[in-house]
């Protein structure tokens, strides 16, 4: 799995971070950071759910 974020679309609302905090982080500067582009298999379902929850559909998951 590889994860991409369209930062032009991202609103940094942290819904993804709430779902997969090991992969996504919104910092004090109010920007989203992708902590890993290739999460471990134990994170795959959380990342898929985070992508589904994104209101701007800014997260793309490549299987």
Protein backbone atom coordinates (compact mmCIF):
# COMPACT_ATOMS: atom_id res chain seq x y z
CA UNK A 1 0.00 0.00 0.00
CA UNK A 2 1.12 3.52 -0.81
CA UNK A 3 -0.64 6.65 0.46
CA UNK A 4 -0.80 10.06 -1.22
CA UNK A 5 -2.31 13.30 0.02
CA UNK A 6 -3.46 16.10 -2.27
CA UNK A 7 -2.38 18.98 -0.08
CA UNK A 8 -4.19 21.48 -2.32
CA UNK A 9 -7.49 19.76 -1.41
CA UNK A 10 -6.67 18.93 2.22
CA UNK A 11 -8.39 21.05 4.87
CA UNK A 12 -6.31 19.62 7.75
CA UNK A 13 -9.44 18.81 9.72
CA UNK A 14 -7.69 15.80 11.34
CA UNK A 15 -10.38 13.19 10.67
CA UNK A 16 -7.67 11.03 9.12
CA UNK A 17 -5.42 11.54 12.13
CA UNK A 18 -8.21 10.41 14.42
CA UNK A 19 -8.49 7.21 12.41
CA UNK A 20 -4.80 6.49 11.77
CA UNK A 21 -2.55 8.64 13.99
CA UNK A 22 0.48 6.50 13.15
CA UNK A 23 0.18 7.63 9.51
CA UNK A 24 -1.37 11.13 9.58
CA UNK A 25 -0.59 14.05 11.86
CA UNK A 26 -1.96 17.59 12.01
CA UNK A 27 0.61 19.70 13.82
CA UNK A 28 0.42 23.00 15.64
CA UNK A 29 0.93 24.83 12.33
CA UNK A 30 -2.47 23.41 11.22
CA UNK A 31 -0.97 21.44 8.33
CA UNK A 32 -1.34 17.73 7.71
CA UNK A 33 1.82 15.63 7.62
CA UNK A 34 2.02 12.16 6.15
CA UNK A 35 4.23 10.26 8.58
CA UNK A 36 4.75 7.32 6.24
CA UNK A 37 3.85 6.80 2.59
CA UNK A 38 3.94 3.02 2.95
CA UNK A 39 2.21 2.01 6.19
CA UNK A 40 2.59 -1.48 7.59
CA UNK A 41 -0.05 -4.10 6.95
CA UNK A 42 -1.43 -3.58 10.46
CA UNK A 43 -2.39 -0.01 9.42
CA UNK A 44 -3.99 -0.75 6.04
CA UNK A 45 -7.62 -0.89 7.17
CA UNK A 46 -7.23 2.25 9.29
CA UNK A 47 -5.74 4.11 6.31
CA UNK A 48 -8.56 2.96 4.03
CA UNK A 49 -11.09 4.19 6.59
CA UNK A 50 -9.24 7.51 6.93
CA UNK A 51 -9.42 7.96 3.15
CA UNK A 52 -13.17 7.23 3.20
CA UNK A 53 -13.71 9.74 6.01
CA UNK A 54 -11.86 12.59 4.29
CA UNK A 55 -14.52 15.19 3.41
CA UNK A 56 -12.42 16.54 0.53
CA UNK A 57 -11.30 13.10 -0.71
CA UNK A 58 -7.71 14.36 -0.51
CA UNK A 59 -6.27 10.95 0.43
CA UNK A 60 -5.52 8.39 -2.27
CA UNK A 61 -4.65 4.80 -1.40
CA UNK A 62 -2.76 2.72 -3.96
CA UNK A 63 -3.00 -1.00 -3.24
